[in-house]
Amino acid sequence: NNNNNNNNNNNNNNNNNNNNNNNNISFEVTDKPRIGLRWIVVFILTATYVVLFYTMNSFAVLIVAMINVSSHSNITDSRHSDTCDSANFSNAGNFSSLSDKNHIPEGEYFWTTVDQGIVLGSYFWGFLFSKLLLNRLLTGICAGPITSNIPSLLSAWAPRKELSSMSTTVDSGVVIGNTIGFFSSGWLTYQFGWRSVFYFEGLLCFAVLPLWFIFVRNSPFDHPWLSNYEENILIENKVIKTKLGFYLENASYIIGITNFLSLVWTICCGRVSDLLINKKILSKTNTRKMFHMIGKYYY
């Protein structure tokens, strides 16, 4: 019996040692990825902003190559006096000579400045006057939800400690898109014609679209590739956001109270501002600057 007890004790000790070794192994091994999935999503959002603002701003350069300058000048000539006619015809000659010098063929659209304004503005409030305007309008309709939904998507994927760096990375896509749009649209128009700019925009959209289906989810916890390391980081982020323990109803009351206090404070500051100016305690400029600084600080 003593031998059996000793054997059992030895087996138990061996099992305990194995369990300890397993625990040590699981503790030491981490699944921290080289590139976090959250940062892949951030780069996709940045690329989306690049494409969005490229398509939005490249048209400002592209529209110059789409207009028939000579015909537009002739149309303008018929609306003015004879003196203006001679000047406008000379300007048309200058435009044509400039086009010949740069080997850029004139455009095929006979748009006035009003028409050009409608085409450029149709991205935001389009008109259904022609096929091109309709396409421009549809582009604006599809791009509208992007600018409003990317911040909410970023808030779900960005941990609190990395929110600033991720936000600035995504916002840099705006500057990159504007820069590429203005630079490349002129070069593409000069080399391949103005239609090549639209083809290039389409290629960029189709390049970014599959990345959305593969990597982006509304919630990071719904993604099958989310590692335990990133999941713990994002869970901590959610805990911090709900750490105050306010229920939704109470939170709405708190927000309503802050807005009411903002209303009272605004009215009081207006009266105090007039008092300081009328009694010549402070100048109007210094008073405005003081309240502006106070408002910015507390905001």
C-alpha atoms as a PDB file:
ATOM      1  CA  ASN A   1       0.000   0.000   0.000  1.00  0.00           C
ATOM      2  CA  ASN A   2       2.808   2.372   0.829  1.00  0.00           C
ATOM      3  CA  ASN A   3       4.373   1.688  -2.563  1.00  0.00           C
ATOM      4  CA  ASN A   4       1.075   2.382  -4.293  1.00  0.00           C
ATOM      5  CA  ASN A   5       0.666   5.609  -2.378  1.00  0.00           C
ATOM      6  CA  ASN A   6       4.171   6.666  -3.317  1.00  0.00           C
ATOM      7  CA  ASN A   7       3.502   5.877  -6.964  1.00  0.00           C
ATOM      8  CA  ASN A   8       0.294   7.870  -6.869  1.00  0.00           C
ATOM      9  CA  ASN A   9       2.080  10.786  -5.276  1.00  0.00           C
ATOM     10  CA  ASN A  10       4.769  10.634  -7.937  1.00  0.00           C
ATOM     11  CA  ASN A  11       2.157  10.577 -10.669  1.00  0.00           C
ATOM     12  CA  ASN A  12       0.392  13.533  -9.120  1.00  0.00           C
ATOM     13  CA  ASN A  13       3.647  15.419  -8.894  1.00  0.00           C
ATOM     14  CA  ASN A  14       4.399  14.647 -12.532  1.00  0.00           C
ATOM     15  CA  ASN A  15       0.952  15.829 -13.553  1.00  0.00           C
ATOM     16  CA  ASN A  16       1.392  19.005 -11.559  1.00  0.00           C
ATOM     17  CA  ASN A  17       4.758  19.596 -13.182  1.00  0.00           C
ATOM     18  CA  ASN A  18       3.273  19.057 -16.627  1.00  0.00           C
ATOM     19  CA  ASN A  19       0.451  21.453 -15.850  1.00  0.00           C
ATOM     20  CA  ASN A  20       2.918  24.034 -14.608  1.00  0.00           C
ATOM     21  CA  ASN A  21       4.979  23.618 -17.756  1.00  0.00           C
ATOM     22  CA  ASN A  22       1.887  24.015 -19.908  1.00  0.00           C
ATOM     23  CA  ASN A  23       0.887  27.101 -17.998  1.00  0.00           C
ATOM     24  CA  ASN A  24       4.342  28.541 -18.405  1.00  0.00           C
ATOM     25  CA  ILE A  25       4.288  27.828 -22.133  1.00  0.00           C
ATOM     26  CA  SER A  26       0.884  29.458 -22.612  1.00  0.00           C
ATOM     27  CA  PHE A  27       2.002  32.440 -20.581  1.00  0.00           C
ATOM     28  CA  GLU A  28       5.205  32.965 -22.515  1.00  0.00           C
ATOM     29  CA  VAL A  29       3.786  32.502 -26.019  1.00  0.00           C
ATOM     30  CA  THR A  30       1.969  35.546 -27.331  1.00  0.00           C
ATOM     31  CA  ASP A  31       0.083  36.031 -30.576  1.00  0.00           C
ATOM     32  CA  LYS A  32       1.050  39.664 -31.017  1.00  0.00           C
ATOM     33  CA  PRO A  33       0.976  40.242 -34.794  1.00  0.00           C
ATOM     34  CA  ARG A  34       3.686  42.117 -36.630  1.00  0.00           C
ATOM     35  CA  ILE A  35       1.097  44.436 -38.140  1.00  0.00           C
ATOM     36  CA  GLY A  36      -2.073  44.774 -36.116  1.00  0.00           C
ATOM     37  CA  LEU A  37      -5.398  44.277 -37.860  1.00  0.00           C
ATOM     38  CA  ARG A  38      -6.553  47.606 -36.475  1.00  0.00           C
ATOM     39  CA  TRP A  39      -3.694  49.373 -38.291  1.00  0.00           C
ATOM     40  CA  ILE A  40      -4.545  47.576 -41.525  1.00  0.00           C
ATOM     41  CA  VAL A  41      -8.065  48.986 -41.189  1.00  0.00           C
ATOM     42  CA  VAL A  42      -6.586  52.443 -40.540  1.00  0.00           C
ATOM     43  CA  PHE A  43      -4.512  52.262 -43.730  1.00  0.00           C
ATOM     44  CA  ILE A  44      -7.588  51.156 -45.684  1.00  0.00           C
ATOM     45  CA  LEU A  45      -9.531  54.138 -44.337  1.00  0.00           C
ATOM     46  CA  THR A  46      -6.621  56.386 -45.310  1.00  0.00           C
ATOM     47  CA  ALA A  47      -6.585  54.954 -48.835  1.00  0.00           C
ATOM     48  CA  THR A  48     -10.338  55.507 -49.020  1.00  0.00           C
ATOM     49  CA  TYR A  49      -9.900  59.173 -48.183  1.00  0.00           C
ATOM     50  CA  VAL A  50      -7.140  59.405 -50.807  1.00  0.00           C
ATOM     51  CA  VAL A  51      -9.433  58.018 -53.516  1.00  0.00           C
ATOM     52  CA  LEU A  52     -12.397  60.082 -52.339  1.00  0.00           C
ATOM     53  CA  PHE A  53     -10.641  63.435 -52.398  1.00  0.00           C
ATOM     54  CA  TYR A  54      -8.743  62.532 -55.557  1.00  0.00           C
ATOM     55  CA  THR A  55     -12.016  62.023 -57.424  1.00  0.00           C
ATOM     56  CA  MET A  56     -13.482  65.144 -55.861  1.00  0.00           C
ATOM     57  CA  ASN A  57     -10.690  67.620 -56.619  1.00  0.00           C
ATOM     58  CA  SER A  58      -9.100  66.293 -59.810  1.00  0.00           C
ATOM     59  CA  PHE A  59     -12.153  67.474 -61.733  1.00  0.00           C
ATOM     60  CA  ALA A  60     -11.227  71.099 -61.044  1.00  0.00           C
ATOM     61  CA  VAL A  61      -8.128  70.621 -63.224  1.00  0.00           C
ATOM     62  CA  LEU A  62      -9.741  68.172 -65.610  1.00  0.00           C
ATOM     63  CA  ILE A  63     -12.596  70.468 -66.596  1.00  0.00           C
ATOM     64  CA  VAL A  64     -10.158  72.890 -68.250  1.00  0.00           C
ATOM     65  CA  ALA A  65      -9.152  70.231 -70.787  1.00  0.00           C
ATOM     66  CA  MET A  66     -12.770  69.225 -71.433  1.00  0.00           C
ATOM     67  CA  ILE A  67     -13.898  72.657 -72.634  1.00  0.00           C
ATOM     68  CA  ASN A  68     -13.699  73.823 -76.251  1.00  0.00           C
ATOM     69  CA  VAL A  69     -12.017  77.158 -75.629  1.00  0.00           C
ATOM     70  CA  SER A  70     -12.352  78.576 -79.157  1.00  0.00           C
ATOM     71  CA  SER A  71     -16.055  77.891 -79.459  1.00  0.00           C
ATOM     72  CA  HIS A  72     -16.645  79.171 -75.958  1.00  0.00           C
ATOM     73  CA  SER A  73     -14.852  82.396 -76.869  1.00  0.00           C
ATOM     74  CA  ASN A  74     -16.944  82.758 -80.015  1.00  0.00           C
ATOM     75  CA  ILE A  75     -20.135  82.270 -78.035  1.00  0.00           C
ATOM     76  CA  THR A  76     -18.994  84.897 -75.580  1.00  0.00           C
ATOM     77  CA  ASP A  77     -18.082  87.227 -78.458  1.00  0.00           C
ATOM     78  CA  SER A  78     -21.647  87.264 -79.795  1.00  0.00           C
ATOM     79  CA  ARG A  79     -22.918  88.639 -76.482  1.00  0.00           C
ATOM     80  CA  HIS A  80     -20.675  91.709 -76.386  1.00  0.00           C
ATOM     81  CA  SER A  81     -19.905  94.765 -78.461  1.00  0.00           C
ATOM     82  CA  ASP A  82     -17.635  94.976 -81.476  1.00  0.00           C
ATOM     83  CA  THR A  83     -14.793  96.262 -79.340  1.00  0.00           C
ATOM     84  CA  CYS A  84     -15.064  93.288 -77.056  1.00  0.00           C
ATOM     85  CA  ASP A  85     -15.355  91.042 -80.096  1.00  0.00           C
ATOM     86  CA  SER A  86     -11.909  91.906 -81.395  1.00  0.00           C
ATOM     87  CA  ALA A  87     -10.368  91.427 -77.973  1.00  0.00           C
ATOM     88  CA  ASN A  88     -12.088  88.101 -77.431  1.00  0.00           C
ATOM     89  CA  PHE A  89     -11.099  86.801 -80.857  1.00  0.00           C
ATOM     90  CA  SER A  90      -7.503  87.690 -80.124  1.00  0.00           C
ATOM     91  CA  ASN A  91      -7.778  85.846 -76.817  1.00  0.00           C
ATOM     92  CA  ALA A  92      -9.207  82.832 -78.619  1.00  0.00           C
ATOM     93  CA  GLY A  93      -6.197  82.886 -80.912  1.00  0.00           C
ATOM     94  CA  ASN A  94      -3.908  82.972 -77.901  1.00  0.00           C
ATOM     95  CA  PHE A  95      -5.713  79.985 -76.391  1.00  0.00           C
ATOM     96  CA  SER A  96      -5.469  77.993 -79.599  1.00  0.00           C
ATOM     97  CA  SER A  97      -1.802  78.804 -80.045  1.00  0.00           C
ATOM     98  CA  LEU A  98      -1.189  77.763 -76.461  1.00  0.00           C
ATOM     99  CA  SER A  99      -2.975  74.467 -77.068  1.00  0.00           C
ATOM    100  CA  ASP A 100      -0.946  73.876 -80.218  1.00  0.00           C
ATOM    101  CA  LYS A 101       2.272  74.664 -78.388  1.00  0.00           C
ATOM    102  CA  ASN A 102       1.505  72.169 -75.629  1.00  0.00           C
ATOM    103  CA  HIS A 103      -0.007  69.612 -78.071  1.00  0.00           C
ATOM    104  CA  ILE A 104      -3.200  69.418 -75.996  1.00  0.00           C
ATOM    105  CA  PRO A 105      -6.335  69.029 -78.151  1.00  0.00           C
ATOM    106  CA  GLU A 106      -9.269  71.205 -77.260  1.00  0.00           C
ATOM    107  CA  GLY A 107     -12.168  69.669 -75.414  1.00  0.00           C
ATOM    108  CA  GLU A 108     -15.488  68.683 -76.899  1.00  0.00           C
ATOM    109  CA  TYR A 109     -17.857  70.360 -74.435  1.00  0.00           C
ATOM    110  CA  PHE A 110     -19.199  73.835 -75.106  1.00  0.00           C
ATOM    111  CA  TRP A 111     -19.729  74.936 -71.530  1.00  0.00           C
ATOM    112  CA  THR A 112     -20.062  78.478 -70.299  1.00  0.00           C
ATOM    113  CA  THR A 113     -18.733  79.519 -66.910  1.00  0.00           C
ATOM    114  CA  VAL A 114     -22.204  78.916 -65.470  1.00  0.00           C
ATOM    115  CA  ASP A 115     -22.237  75.388 -66.893  1.00  0.00           C
ATOM    116  CA  GLN A 116     -18.798  74.741 -65.458  1.00  0.00           C
ATOM    117  CA  GLY A 117     -19.983  75.875 -62.035  1.00  0.00           C
ATOM    118  CA  ILE A 118     -22.952  73.513 -62.254  1.00  0.00           C
ATOM    119  CA  VAL A 119     -20.719  70.570 -63.184  1.00  0.00           C
ATOM    120  CA  LEU A 120     -18.263  71.277 -60.370  1.00  0.00           C
ATOM    121  CA  GLY A 121     -21.031  71.860 -57.842  1.00  0.00           C
ATOM    122  CA  SER A 122     -23.046  68.804 -58.862  1.00  0.00           C
ATOM    123  CA  TYR A 123     -20.725  66.697 -56.749  1.00  0.00           C
ATOM    124  CA  PHE A 124     -22.424  68.255 -53.733  1.00  0.00           C
ATOM    125  CA  TRP A 125     -25.900  69.224 -54.996  1.00  0.00           C
ATOM    126  CA  GLY A 126     -26.133  67.753 -58.511  1.00  0.00           C
ATOM    127  CA  PHE A 127     -28.449  68.421 -61.404  1.00  0.00           C
ATOM    128  CA  LEU A 128     -29.894  65.772 -63.738  1.00  0.00           C
ATOM    129  CA  PHE A 129     -29.298  67.717 -66.934  1.00  0.00           C
ATOM    130  CA  SER A 130     -26.982  65.310 -68.738  1.00  0.00           C
ATOM    131  CA  LYS A 131     -25.261  61.981 -68.397  1.00  0.00           C
ATOM    132  CA  LEU A 132     -22.035  63.525 -67.131  1.00  0.00           C
ATOM    133  CA  LEU A 133     -23.833  65.572 -64.509  1.00  0.00           C
ATOM    134  CA  LEU A 134     -25.761  62.496 -63.424  1.00  0.00           C
ATOM    135  CA  ASN A 135     -22.527  60.537 -62.993  1.00  0.00           C
ATOM    136  CA  ARG A 136     -21.030  63.415 -61.057  1.00  0.00           C
ATOM    137  CA  LEU A 137     -24.112  63.512 -58.830  1.00  0.00           C
ATOM    138  CA  LEU A 138     -24.002  59.758 -58.198  1.00  0.00           C
ATOM    139  CA  THR A 139     -20.327  60.029 -57.274  1.00  0.00           C
ATOM    140  CA  GLY A 140     -21.215  62.634 -54.661  1.00  0.00           C
ATOM    141  CA  ILE A 141     -24.098  60.526 -53.332  1.00  0.00           C
ATOM    142  CA  CYS A 142     -21.819  57.499 -52.912  1.00  0.00           C
ATOM    143  CA  ALA A 143     -19.038  59.564 -51.355  1.00  0.00           C
ATOM    144  CA  GLY A 144     -21.304  61.294 -48.839  1.00  0.00           C
ATOM    145  CA  PRO A 145     -21.695  58.363 -46.411  1.00  0.00           C
ATOM    146  CA  ILE A 146     -17.932  57.787 -46.406  1.00  0.00           C
ATOM    147  CA  THR A 147     -17.047  61.058 -44.711  1.00  0.00           C
ATOM    148  CA  SER A 148     -19.738  60.585 -42.060  1.00  0.00           C
ATOM    149  CA  ASN A 149     -19.131  56.892 -41.318  1.00  0.00           C
ATOM    150  CA  ILE A 150     -15.335  56.700 -41.277  1.00  0.00           C
ATOM    151  CA  PRO A 151     -15.058  58.557 -37.919  1.00  0.00           C
ATOM    152  CA  SER A 152     -17.566  56.210 -36.271  1.00  0.00           C
ATOM    153  CA  LEU A 153     -15.786  53.191 -37.741  1.00  0.00           C
ATOM    154  CA  LEU A 154     -12.469  54.533 -36.521  1.00  0.00           C
ATOM    155  CA  SER A 155     -13.824  54.965 -32.998  1.00  0.00           C
ATOM    156  CA  ALA A 156     -14.702  51.258 -32.929  1.00  0.00           C
ATOM    157  CA  TRP A 157     -11.283  50.133 -34.109  1.00  0.00           C
ATOM    158  CA  ALA A 158      -8.977  52.628 -32.396  1.00  0.00           C
ATOM    159  CA  PRO A 159      -7.827  52.042 -28.800  1.00  0.00           C
ATOM    160  CA  ARG A 160      -7.817  55.096 -26.587  1.00  0.00           C
ATOM    161  CA  LYS A 161      -4.012  55.215 -26.436  1.00  0.00           C
ATOM    162  CA  GLU A 162      -3.707  55.156 -30.236  1.00  0.00           C
ATOM    163  CA  LEU A 163      -6.744  57.215 -31.207  1.00  0.00           C
ATOM    164  CA  SER A 164      -4.825  60.423 -31.948  1.00  0.00           C
ATOM    165  CA  SER A 165      -2.202  58.773 -34.146  1.00  0.00           C
ATOM    166  CA  MET A 166      -4.820  56.746 -35.996  1.00  0.00           C
ATOM    167  CA  SER A 167      -7.057  59.781 -36.544  1.00  0.00           C
ATOM    168  CA  THR A 168      -4.229  61.875 -37.958  1.00  0.00           C
ATOM    169  CA  THR A 169      -3.157  58.979 -40.187  1.00  0.00           C
ATOM    170  CA  VAL A 170      -6.645  58.696 -41.648  1.00  0.00           C
ATOM    171  CA  ASP A 171      -6.990  62.472 -42.042  1.00  0.00           C
ATOM    172  CA  SER A 172      -3.691  62.571 -43.919  1.00  0.00           C
ATOM    173  CA  GLY A 173      -5.516  60.791 -46.725  1.00  0.00           C
ATOM    174  CA  VAL A 174      -7.374  64.040 -47.406  1.00  0.00           C
ATOM    175  CA  VAL A 175      -4.139  65.927 -48.073  1.00  0.00           C
ATOM    176  CA  ILE A 176      -2.651  63.044 -50.065  1.00  0.00           C
ATOM    177  CA  GLY A 177      -5.783  62.768 -52.206  1.00  0.00           C
ATOM    178  CA  ASN A 178      -5.858  66.497 -52.901  1.00  0.00           C
ATOM    179  CA  THR A 179      -2.161  66.549 -53.787  1.00  0.00           C
ATOM    180  CA  ILE A 180      -2.322  63.529 -56.083  1.00  0.00           C
ATOM    181  CA  GLY A 181      -5.534  64.808 -57.646  1.00  0.00           C
ATOM    182  CA  PHE A 182      -4.099  68.164 -58.664  1.00  0.00           C
ATOM    183  CA  PHE A 183      -0.723  66.840 -59.796  1.00  0.00           C
ATOM    184  CA  SER A 184      -1.664  63.638 -61.610  1.00  0.00           C
ATOM    185  CA  SER A 185      -4.793  64.918 -63.360  1.00  0.00           C
ATOM    186  CA  GLY A 186      -2.793  67.509 -65.288  1.00  0.00           C
ATOM    187  CA  TRP A 187      -0.100  65.009 -66.269  1.00  0.00           C
ATOM    188  CA  LEU A 188      -2.583  62.309 -67.300  1.00  0.00           C
ATOM    189  CA  THR A 189      -4.562  64.803 -69.354  1.00  0.00           C
ATOM    190  CA  TYR A 190      -1.420  65.988 -71.122  1.00  0.00           C
ATOM    191  CA  GLN A 191      -0.139  62.469 -71.850  1.00  0.00           C
ATOM    192  CA  PHE A 192      -3.276  60.404 -72.494  1.00  0.00           C
ATOM    193  CA  GLY A 193      -6.233  62.791 -72.689  1.00  0.00           C
ATOM    194  CA  TRP A 194      -8.794  63.815 -70.109  1.00  0.00           C
ATOM    195  CA  ARG A 195     -10.653  60.480 -70.224  1.00  0.00           C
ATOM    196  CA  SER A 196      -7.623  58.740 -68.722  1.00  0.00           C
ATOM    197  CA  VAL A 197      -8.249  60.578 -65.437  1.00  0.00           C
ATOM    198  CA  PHE A 198     -11.655  58.917 -65.096  1.00  0.00           C
ATOM    199  CA  TYR A 199     -10.136  55.532 -65.924  1.00  0.00           C
ATOM    200  CA  PHE A 200      -7.478  56.045 -63.267  1.00  0.00           C
ATOM    201  CA  GLU A 201     -10.108  57.021 -60.700  1.00  0.00           C
ATOM    202  CA  GLY A 202     -12.045  53.847 -61.485  1.00  0.00           C
ATOM    203  CA  LEU A 203      -8.929  51.708 -61.048  1.00  0.00           C
ATOM    204  CA  LEU A 204      -8.254  53.277 -57.655  1.00  0.00           C
ATOM    205  CA  CYS A 205     -11.811  52.594 -56.513  1.00  0.00           C
ATOM    206  CA  PHE A 206     -11.662  48.953 -57.618  1.00  0.00           C
ATOM    207  CA  ALA A 207      -8.287  48.566 -55.888  1.00  0.00           C
ATOM    208  CA  VAL A 208      -9.622  49.768 -52.513  1.00  0.00           C
ATOM    209  CA  LEU A 209     -13.025  48.055 -52.676  1.00  0.00           C
ATOM    210  CA  PRO A 210     -11.830  44.427 -52.130  1.00  0.00           C
ATOM    211  CA  LEU A 211      -9.849  45.530 -49.083  1.00  0.00           C
ATOM    212  CA  TRP A 212     -13.073  46.695 -47.460  1.00  0.00           C
ATOM    213  CA  PHE A 213     -14.744  43.312 -47.932  1.00  0.00           C
ATOM    214  CA  ILE A 214     -11.698  41.418 -46.659  1.00  0.00           C
ATOM    215  CA  PHE A 215     -10.481  43.450 -43.678  1.00  0.00           C
ATOM    216  CA  VAL A 216     -13.165  45.901 -42.538  1.00  0.00           C
ATOM    217  CA  ARG A 217     -16.026  45.041 -40.193  1.00  0.00           C
ATOM    218  CA  ASN A 218     -18.424  47.257 -38.278  1.00  0.00           C
ATOM    219  CA  SER A 219     -17.002  45.873 -35.043  1.00  0.00           C
ATOM    220  CA  PRO A 220     -13.489  44.460 -34.626  1.00  0.00           C
ATOM    221  CA  PHE A 221     -14.896  41.635 -32.495  1.00  0.00           C
ATOM    222  CA  ASP A 222     -16.797  40.343 -35.547  1.00  0.00           C
ATOM    223  CA  HIS A 223     -13.581  39.874 -37.523  1.00  0.00           C
ATOM    224  CA  PRO A 224     -12.380  36.244 -37.741  1.00  0.00           C
ATOM    225  CA  TRP A 225      -8.722  37.304 -37.942  1.00  0.00           C
ATOM    226  CA  LEU A 226      -8.674  39.360 -34.758  1.00  0.00           C
ATOM    227  CA  SER A 227      -5.884  38.103 -32.497  1.00  0.00           C
ATOM    228  CA  ASN A 228      -6.234  37.676 -28.746  1.00  0.00           C
ATOM    229  CA  TYR A 229      -3.626  40.368 -28.233  1.00  0.00           C
ATOM    230  CA  GLU A 230      -5.625  42.983 -30.138  1.00  0.00           C
ATOM    231  CA  GLU A 231      -8.878  41.764 -28.655  1.00  0.00           C
ATOM    232  CA  ASN A 232      -7.562  42.440 -25.157  1.00  0.00           C
ATOM    233  CA  ILE A 233      -6.459  45.925 -26.197  1.00  0.00           C
ATOM    234  CA  LEU A 234      -9.848  46.749 -27.693  1.00  0.00           C
ATOM    235  CA  ILE A 235     -11.725  45.252 -24.731  1.00  0.00           C
ATOM    236  CA  GLU A 236      -9.753  47.525 -22.412  1.00  0.00           C
ATOM    237  CA  ASN A 237     -10.746  50.381 -24.669  1.00  0.00           C
ATOM    238  CA  LYS A 238     -14.434  49.509 -24.332  1.00  0.00           C
ATOM    239  CA  VAL A 239     -14.105  49.166 -20.568  1.00  0.00           C
ATOM    240  CA  ILE A 240     -12.615  52.645 -20.322  1.00  0.00           C
ATOM    241  CA  LYS A 241     -15.433  54.100 -22.385  1.00  0.00           C
ATOM    242  CA  THR A 242     -18.075  52.622 -20.081  1.00  0.00           C
ATOM    243  CA  LYS A 243     -16.102  53.006 -16.873  1.00  0.00           C
ATOM    244  CA  LEU A 244     -18.215  55.882 -15.529  1.00  0.00           C
ATOM    245  CA  GLY A 245     -21.194  53.540 -15.323  1.00  0.00           C
ATOM    246  CA  PHE A 246     -23.827  55.943 -16.662  1.00  0.00           C
ATOM    247  CA  TYR A 247     -26.981  54.453 -18.067  1.00  0.00           C
ATOM    248  CA  LEU A 248     -28.126  55.775 -21.431  1.00  0.00           C
ATOM    249  CA  GLU A 249     -31.021  57.684 -19.907  1.00  0.00           C
ATOM    250  CA  ASN A 250     -28.792  59.366 -17.326  1.00  0.00           C
ATOM    251  CA  ALA A 251     -26.174  60.149 -19.955  1.00  0.00           C
ATOM    252  CA  SER A 252     -28.813  61.904 -22.079  1.00  0.00           C
ATOM    253  CA  TYR A 253     -29.798  64.030 -19.073  1.00  0.00           C
ATOM    254  CA  ILE A 254     -26.179  64.980 -18.465  1.00  0.00           C
ATOM    255  CA  ILE A 255     -25.720  66.009 -22.100  1.00  0.00           C
ATOM    256  CA  GLY A 256     -28.936  68.035 -21.960  1.00  0.00           C
ATOM    257  CA  ILE A 257     -27.785  69.832 -18.798  1.00  0.00           C
ATOM    258  CA  THR A 258     -24.445  70.740 -20.373  1.00  0.00           C
ATOM    259  CA  ASN A 259     -26.206  72.232 -23.399  1.00  0.00           C
ATOM    260  CA  PHE A 260     -28.514  74.231 -21.131  1.00  0.00           C
ATOM    261  CA  LEU A 261     -25.545  75.539 -19.139  1.00  0.00           C
ATOM    262  CA  SER A 262     -23.877  76.453 -22.422  1.00  0.00           C
ATOM    263  CA  LEU A 263     -26.945  78.536 -23.328  1.00  0.00           C
ATOM    264  CA  VAL A 264     -26.908  80.352 -19.973  1.00  0.00           C
ATOM    265  CA  TRP A 265     -23.158  80.920 -20.147  1.00  0.00           C
ATOM    266  CA  THR A 266     -23.407  82.332 -23.680  1.00  0.00           C
ATOM    267  CA  ILE A 267     -26.047  84.892 -22.680  1.00  0.00           C
ATOM    268  CA  CYS A 268     -24.117  85.904 -19.557  1.00  0.00           C
ATOM    269  CA  CYS A 269     -20.880  86.297 -21.500  1.00  0.00           C
ATOM    270  CA  GLY A 270     -22.647  88.549 -23.984  1.00  0.00           C
ATOM    271  CA  ARG A 271     -23.819  90.875 -21.206  1.00  0.00           C
ATOM    272  CA  VAL A 272     -20.409  90.864 -19.524  1.00  0.00           C
ATOM    273  CA  SER A 273     -18.760  91.562 -22.871  1.00  0.00           C
ATOM    274  CA  ASP A 274     -20.916  94.649 -23.460  1.00  0.00           C
ATOM    275  CA  LEU A 275     -20.198  95.813 -19.897  1.00  0.00           C
ATOM    276  CA  LEU A 276     -16.429  95.546 -20.365  1.00  0.00           C
ATOM    277  CA  ILE A 277     -16.558  97.397 -23.679  1.00  0.00           C
ATOM    278  CA  ASN A 278     -18.957 100.169 -22.582  1.00  0.00           C
ATOM    279  CA  LYS A 279     -17.007 100.898 -19.404  1.00  0.00           C
ATOM    280  CA  LYS A 280     -13.797 100.837 -21.481  1.00  0.00           C
ATOM    281  CA  ILE A 281     -12.243  98.235 -19.237  1.00  0.00           C
ATOM    282  CA  LEU A 282     -11.145  96.312 -22.329  1.00  0.00           C
ATOM    283  CA  SER A 283     -11.195  97.131 -25.997  1.00  0.00           C
ATOM    284  CA  LYS A 284     -13.590  95.337 -28.290  1.00  0.00           C
ATOM    285  CA  THR A 285     -10.775  93.299 -29.858  1.00  0.00           C
ATOM    286  CA  ASN A 286      -9.299  92.223 -26.521  1.00  0.00           C
ATOM    287  CA  THR A 287     -12.733  91.333 -25.171  1.00  0.00           C
ATOM    288  CA  ARG A 288     -13.483  89.128 -28.158  1.00  0.00           C
ATOM    289  CA  LYS A 289     -10.082  87.465 -27.880  1.00  0.00           C
ATOM    290  CA  MET A 290     -10.488  86.838 -24.160  1.00  0.00           C
ATOM    291  CA  PHE A 291     -13.875  85.120 -24.458  1.00  0.00           C
ATOM    292  CA  HIS A 292     -12.697  83.241 -27.514  1.00  0.00           C
ATOM    293  CA  MET A 293      -9.711  81.870 -25.578  1.00  0.00           C
ATOM    294  CA  ILE A 294     -11.921  80.947 -22.603  1.00  0.00           C
ATOM    295  CA  GLY A 295     -14.390  79.174 -24.858  1.00  0.00           C
ATOM    296  CA  LYS A 296     -11.671  77.281 -26.711  1.00  0.00           C
ATOM    297  CA  TYR A 297     -10.013  76.241 -23.446  1.00  0.00           C
ATOM    298  CA  TYR A 298     -13.152  74.803 -21.897  1.00  0.00           C
ATOM    299  CA  TYR A 299     -14.273  73.289 -25.200  1.00  0.00           C
END
